[in-house]
C-alpha cells in the first residue's frame, strides 16, 4: 500500500467523515461496502494513484466516520461524499466507483448530482429499484438484507458476536476466503465498537426508501459511461449484466473470474484490468 496515503476528517453535511487520499490528477472517489471500510481498496489504491487523486472515505456510520442516528438513505449519504469532494476537489467532476453498499451510494451520487460525475463504476451490487434488485432480494442466499432490516432484533442477536457473524459473512460470499480474512481484524475494530453494527444496519433499513427514490431517478437514464463489475462466483453476476440497459445507453459489463463478492480484495489485478481502461476512456 502506498506510503504517502494521508488520513483526514472533514465536517460535511452535518456529519464527520474519515477519508484517505493519495495521488495526483483528476479525482477518483472510491466507496466501500459492508462490512468493510476504505481499507477494502488497499490493493488497488497504489496503482490508481499513479494516474488519479484517489479519495476513499468511510461513508456515514462506517469505519472511523461518525455514527449519527439517522441520514442513512442513500441520497443523504451521497450528499455527504459530494460535500467531501467539494472540500478536497472543489469544482472538479468525479469518477465514482462503489462496491456493495458503496455502489448504492455511488449510483445516488451519479443520479442526484449529474453535473459532478463523469463516470460511474458499480461493483457487484444491483441498484435498488431495478428489476435486478428485486430478483436478488428474493434469493435465499441474501437473507441478510431482511435480517439487517429488523431494527433492534439484529443488534440484539449480533451484539458480542461480531467476529463470528462477520467471519461467516465474508466466508460465505468469497471464492477465496483466505484472501479476504486477513483484513477481518481491521474491519472488526470499528464494526465491533459501540454503534458500529447499529449504523451498518441502518444503511440496510433505508433500502426500501432508496428503491422508491431510485425508481423515479431511473426514468432519466444516466448520460455518462457506466461500468458494472461482478465476481464469477457471486449471486449478482447475471443480474448485473441484465441490469445495464436500465441505467443508461453507455453501460459495459466485466466478469472477474476466481472472485466472489469481494472482488478488489480477492482479485485486485483482474479488477484493475477491467477498471483502468474504463476510467481512462472517460
Protein backbone atom coordinates (compact mmCIF):
# COMPACT_ATOMS: atom_id res chain seq x y z
CA UNK A 1 0.00 0.00 0.00
CA UNK A 2 1.25 3.48 -0.85
CA UNK A 3 3.27 5.07 1.93
CA UNK A 4 2.02 8.56 1.07
CA UNK A 5 -1.62 7.89 1.95
CA UNK A 6 -2.96 10.76 4.03
CA UNK A 7 -5.73 10.27 6.58
CA UNK A 8 -8.10 13.11 7.33
CA UNK A 9 -11.50 14.02 8.71
CA UNK A 10 -13.94 16.61 7.45
CA UNK A 11 -17.18 18.01 8.82
CA UNK A 12 -19.61 17.82 5.91
CA UNK A 13 -23.39 17.74 5.53
CA UNK A 14 -23.98 17.59 9.27
CA UNK A 15 -21.67 14.65 9.97
CA UNK A 16 -17.94 13.91 10.14
CA UNK A 17 -16.29 11.67 7.56
CA UNK A 18 -12.93 9.98 7.80
CA UNK A 19 -11.12 9.57 4.49
CA UNK A 20 -7.80 8.67 2.96
CA UNK A 21 -6.34 10.33 -0.09
CA UNK A 22 -3.25 9.90 -2.23
CA UNK A 23 -2.02 10.53 -5.73
CA UNK A 24 -2.38 13.46 -8.12
CA UNK A 25 -4.56 14.13 -11.10
CA UNK A 26 -8.31 14.14 -11.60
CA UNK A 27 -10.31 12.94 -8.58
CA UNK A 28 -11.41 9.32 -8.25
CA UNK A 29 -13.88 8.58 -5.46
CA UNK A 30 -13.86 5.01 -4.08
CA UNK A 31 -16.82 3.97 -1.90
CA UNK A 32 -16.51 0.78 0.14
CA UNK A 33 -19.19 -1.75 1.06
CA UNK A 34 -20.41 -3.63 4.13
CA UNK A 35 -18.82 -4.93 6.28
CA UNK A 36 -15.72 -3.09 5.17
CA UNK A 37 -14.12 0.35 5.27
CA UNK A 38 -11.88 2.34 2.93
CA UNK A 39 -9.34 -0.42 3.61
CA UNK A 40 -11.01 -2.75 1.10
CA UNK A 41 -9.32 -0.72 -1.66
CA UNK A 42 -5.81 -1.13 -0.23
CA UNK A 43 -4.59 -3.43 -3.01
CA UNK A 44 -5.73 -1.17 -5.85
CA UNK A 45 -5.12 2.31 -4.46
CA UNK A 46 -1.36 2.43 -5.25
CA UNK A 47 -1.90 1.65 -8.93
CA UNK A 48 -4.87 4.01 -9.29
CA UNK A 49 -2.95 6.77 -7.52
CA UNK A 50 -0.38 6.77 -10.32
CA UNK A 51 -2.95 8.50 -12.51
CA UNK A 52 -5.68 9.90 -10.23
CA UNK A 53 -6.10 11.68 -6.96
CA UNK A 54 -7.78 8.88 -5.04
CA UNK A 55 -10.28 9.81 -2.35
CA UNK A 56 -11.56 6.85 -0.31
CA UNK A 57 -13.87 7.82 2.55
CA UNK A 58 -15.51 5.75 5.22
CA UNK A 59 -19.13 6.59 4.48
CA UNK A 60 -21.56 7.75 7.16
CA UNK A 61 -21.69 5.26 10.03
CA UNK A 62 -18.72 3.13 8.92
CA UNK A 63 -15.06 2.90 9.82
CA UNK A 64 -13.72 5.97 11.60
CA UNK A 65 -16.53 8.23 10.38
CA UNK A 66 -19.25 9.43 12.74
CA UNK A 67 -22.24 7.19 13.50
CA UNK A 68 -25.25 9.52 13.64
CA UNK A 69 -28.71 8.18 14.44
CA UNK A 70 -30.14 8.99 11.02
CA UNK A 71 -29.28 10.04 7.48
CA UNK A 72 -28.67 6.56 6.06
CA UNK A 73 -30.83 6.98 2.98
CA UNK A 74 -28.50 6.93 0.02
CA UNK A 75 -29.43 10.43 -1.16
CA UNK A 76 -28.11 11.81 2.13
CA UNK A 77 -25.05 9.56 2.08
CA UNK A 78 -24.39 10.71 -1.48
CA UNK A 79 -24.65 14.32 -0.38
CA UNK A 80 -22.09 13.54 2.33
CA UNK A 81 -19.45 12.34 -0.10
CA UNK A 82 -20.16 15.07 -2.66
CA UNK A 83 -19.67 17.62 0.13
CA UNK A 84 -16.38 15.89 0.96
CA UNK A 85 -15.37 16.17 -2.71
CA UNK A 86 -16.26 19.87 -2.55
CA UNK A 87 -13.61 20.18 0.18
CA UNK A 88 -10.91 18.02 -1.39
CA UNK A 89 -11.53 18.61 -5.11
CA UNK A 90 -13.72 21.71 -5.37
CA UNK A 91 -15.40 22.21 -8.71
CA UNK A 92 -13.94 19.07 -10.30
CA UNK A 93 -16.01 16.34 -11.92
CA UNK A 94 -15.61 12.96 -10.33
CA UNK A 95 -15.05 9.41 -11.40
CA UNK A 96 -17.01 7.39 -8.83
CA UNK A 97 -16.60 3.67 -8.09
CA UNK A 98 -18.62 1.90 -5.41
CA UNK A 99 -18.79 -1.66 -4.14
CA UNK A 100 -21.76 -3.27 -2.37
CA UNK A 101 -23.38 -0.63 -0.12
CA UNK A 102 -20.94 1.84 -1.61
CA UNK A 103 -22.38 1.04 -5.04
CA UNK A 104 -25.80 2.13 -3.79
CA UNK A 105 -24.27 5.41 -2.63
CA UNK A 106 -22.32 5.75 -5.89
CA UNK A 107 -25.45 5.43 -8.00
CA UNK A 108 -27.12 8.12 -5.88
CA UNK A 109 -24.11 10.38 -6.37
CA UNK A 110 -24.38 9.98 -10.14
CA UNK A 111 -28.18 10.29 -10.29
CA UNK A 112 -28.65 13.15 -7.83
CA UNK A 113 -25.51 15.12 -8.78
CA UNK A 114 -25.32 14.55 -12.53
CA UNK A 115 -23.19 17.62 -13.22
CA UNK A 116 -20.47 16.39 -10.82
CA UNK A 117 -19.85 12.88 -12.19
CA UNK A 118 -18.05 11.94 -15.39
CA UNK A 119 -18.04 8.13 -14.99
CA UNK A 120 -19.60 5.54 -12.66
CA UNK A 121 -18.43 2.08 -11.66
CA UNK A 122 -20.70 -0.29 -9.72
CA UNK A 123 -19.12 -3.40 -8.24
CA UNK A 124 -21.21 -6.49 -7.51
CA UNK A 125 -24.42 -4.80 -6.38
CA UNK A 126 -27.61 -4.16 -8.38
CA UNK A 127 -29.21 -0.75 -7.95
CA UNK A 128 -32.20 -0.73 -5.56
CA UNK A 129 -35.35 -0.02 -7.52
CA UNK A 130 -34.36 -2.10 -10.55
CA UNK A 131 -35.79 -5.48 -11.52
CA UNK A 132 -32.35 -6.94 -10.80
CA UNK A 133 -32.55 -5.71 -7.22
CA UNK A 134 -35.99 -7.23 -6.69
CA UNK A 135 -34.79 -10.55 -8.04
CA UNK A 136 -31.72 -10.52 -5.82
CA UNK A 137 -33.84 -9.82 -2.74
CA UNK A 138 -35.87 -12.98 -3.43
CA UNK A 139 -32.73 -15.15 -3.36
CA UNK A 140 -32.48 -17.08 -0.05
CA UNK A 141 -28.72 -16.57 -0.10
CA UNK A 142 -29.21 -12.85 0.55
CA UNK A 143 -31.31 -13.35 3.69
CA UNK A 144 -29.16 -10.79 5.44
CA UNK A 145 -30.94 -7.86 3.77
CA UNK A 146 -34.16 -8.70 5.63
CA UNK A 147 -32.33 -9.62 8.83
CA UNK A 148 -30.42 -6.35 8.93
CA UNK A 149 -33.70 -4.53 8.40
CA UNK A 150 -35.15 -5.85 11.66
CA UNK A 151 -34.42 -2.92 13.95
CA UNK A 152 -33.23 -3.86 17.46
CA UNK A 153 -33.55 -7.60 16.73
CA UNK A 154 -30.44 -7.65 14.52
CA UNK A 155 -28.47 -5.62 17.08
CA UNK A 156 -29.61 -7.89 19.92
CA UNK A 157 -28.57 -11.09 18.16
CA UNK A 158 -25.21 -9.86 16.83
CA UNK A 159 -24.04 -7.96 19.95
CA UNK A 160 -20.95 -9.63 21.37
CA UNK A 161 -20.82 -12.00 18.39
CA UNK A 162 -19.47 -9.58 15.80
CA UNK A 163 -16.42 -11.69 14.99
CA UNK A 164 -18.43 -14.87 14.45
CA UNK A 165 -21.07 -13.04 12.43
CA UNK A 166 -18.67 -11.18 10.15
CA UNK A 167 -16.47 -14.26 9.71
CA UNK A 168 -19.32 -16.25 8.21
CA UNK A 169 -20.42 -13.18 6.24
CA UNK A 170 -17.05 -12.98 4.49
CA UNK A 171 -16.54 -16.71 4.05
CA UNK A 172 -19.94 -17.42 2.50
CA UNK A 173 -19.51 -14.68 -0.10
CA UNK A 174 -15.90 -15.33 -1.10
CA UNK A 175 -14.43 -17.53 -3.80
CA UNK A 176 -11.11 -17.48 -1.94
CA UNK A 177 -11.85 -16.72 1.74
CA UNK A 178 -8.16 -16.82 2.65
CA UNK A 179 -7.62 -13.69 0.56
CA UNK A 180 -10.26 -11.75 2.50
CA UNK A 181 -9.96 -12.97 6.07
CA UNK A 182 -6.59 -11.33 6.90
CA UNK A 183 -8.37 -7.96 6.94
CA UNK A 184 -11.05 -9.09 9.41
CA UNK A 185 -9.39 -7.55 12.46
CA UNK A 186 -9.07 -4.20 10.68
CA UNK A 187 -12.80 -4.15 9.98
CA UNK A 188 -13.77 -5.52 13.39
CA UNK A 189 -12.02 -2.64 15.15
CA UNK A 190 -14.82 -0.31 14.08
CA UNK A 191 -17.78 -2.62 13.45
CA UNK A 192 -17.48 -4.11 16.95
CA UNK A 193 -17.18 -0.65 18.50
CA UNK A 194 -20.26 0.94 20.13
CA UNK A 195 -22.76 1.83 17.43
CA UNK A 196 -20.80 0.15 14.65
CA UNK A 197 -23.26 -2.57 13.74
CA UNK A 198 -26.27 -0.37 14.50
CA UNK A 199 -25.10 2.19 11.96
CA UNK A 200 -24.38 -0.53 9.40
CA UNK A 201 -27.87 -1.98 9.82
CA UNK A 202 -29.46 1.44 9.41
CA UNK A 203 -27.98 1.69 5.91
CA UNK A 204 -29.89 -1.52 5.09
CA UNK A 205 -33.07 -0.25 6.72
CA UNK A 206 -33.10 2.69 4.34
CA UNK A 207 -33.03 0.45 1.24
CA UNK A 208 -36.83 0.31 0.72
CA UNK A 209 -36.89 4.12 0.71
CA UNK A 210 -33.87 4.17 -1.60
CA UNK A 211 -35.61 1.82 -4.02
CA UNK A 212 -38.64 4.08 -4.27
CA UNK A 213 -36.50 7.16 -4.83
CA UNK A 214 -34.41 5.35 -7.44
CA UNK A 215 -37.48 4.30 -9.42
CA UNK A 216 -38.02 7.97 -10.14
CA UNK A 217 -34.36 8.61 -10.89
CA UNK A 218 -34.16 5.66 -13.28
CA UNK A 219 -36.73 7.31 -15.53
CA UNK A 220 -33.92 9.64 -16.62
CA UNK A 221 -31.05 7.47 -17.94
CA UNK A 222 -27.53 8.34 -16.92
CA UNK A 223 -25.72 10.17 -19.70
CA UNK A 224 -22.27 9.11 -18.51
CA UNK A 225 -20.34 5.88 -19.11
CA UNK A 226 -21.12 3.15 -16.56
CA UNK A 227 -19.12 0.01 -15.79
CA UNK A 228 -20.71 -2.94 -13.99
CA UNK A 229 -18.28 -5.45 -12.44
CA UNK A 230 -19.27 -8.81 -10.96
CA UNK A 231 -17.45 -11.77 -9.50
CA UNK A 232 -17.99 -15.02 -11.36
CA UNK A 233 -18.94 -16.77 -8.11
CA UNK A 234 -21.28 -14.02 -6.93
CA UNK A 235 -25.07 -14.10 -6.79
CA UNK A 236 -25.13 -10.77 -8.60
CA UNK A 237 -23.29 -11.64 -11.80
CA UNK A 238 -26.19 -12.48 -14.17
CA UNK A 239 -28.39 -9.79 -12.63
CA UNK A 240 -25.85 -7.02 -13.13
CA UNK A 241 -25.33 -7.82 -16.77
CA UNK A 242 -29.09 -7.79 -17.39
CA UNK A 243 -29.50 -4.51 -15.46
CA UNK A 244 -27.27 -2.48 -17.78
CA UNK A 245 -29.98 -1.08 -20.10
CA UNK A 246 -31.95 0.17 -17.07
CA UNK A 247 -29.17 2.61 -16.19
CA UNK A 248 -28.30 4.32 -19.46
CA UNK A 249 -27.14 3.95 -23.05
CA UNK A 250 -23.40 3.57 -22.33
CA UNK A 251 -23.10 0.62 -19.95
CA UNK A 252 -20.43 -2.07 -20.10
CA UNK A 253 -20.04 -5.26 -18.06
CA UNK A 254 -16.97 -7.09 -16.77
CA UNK A 255 -16.88 -10.52 -15.14
CA UNK A 256 -13.96 -11.26 -12.83
CA UNK A 257 -13.04 -14.93 -12.64
CA UNK A 258 -11.94 -16.60 -9.41
CA UNK A 259 -13.82 -13.97 -7.38
CA UNK A 260 -16.92 -13.89 -5.25
CA UNK A 261 -18.33 -10.71 -3.80
CA UNK A 262 -15.06 -9.22 -2.51
CA UNK A 263 -13.51 -8.52 -5.90
CA UNK A 264 -10.95 -5.77 -5.06
CA UNK A 265 -9.52 -7.99 -2.32
CA UNK A 266 -9.82 -11.40 -4.00
CA UNK A 267 -8.62 -10.40 -7.47
CA UNK A 268 -7.14 -6.89 -7.41
CA UNK A 269 -5.12 -7.32 -10.63
CA UNK A 270 -8.12 -8.60 -12.60
CA UNK A 271 -10.28 -5.87 -11.12
CA UNK A 272 -7.79 -3.22 -12.24
CA UNK A 273 -7.62 -4.81 -15.69
CA UNK A 274 -11.35 -4.14 -16.05
CA UNK A 275 -11.46 -0.77 -14.30
CA UNK A 276 -8.41 1.09 -15.60
CA UNK A 277 -9.30 1.10 -19.33
CA UNK A 278 -12.81 2.22 -18.45
CA UNK A 279 -11.56 5.10 -16.31
CA UNK A 280 -9.00 6.09 -18.92
CA UNK A 281 -11.57 6.42 -21.72
CA UNK A 282 -13.64 8.82 -19.62
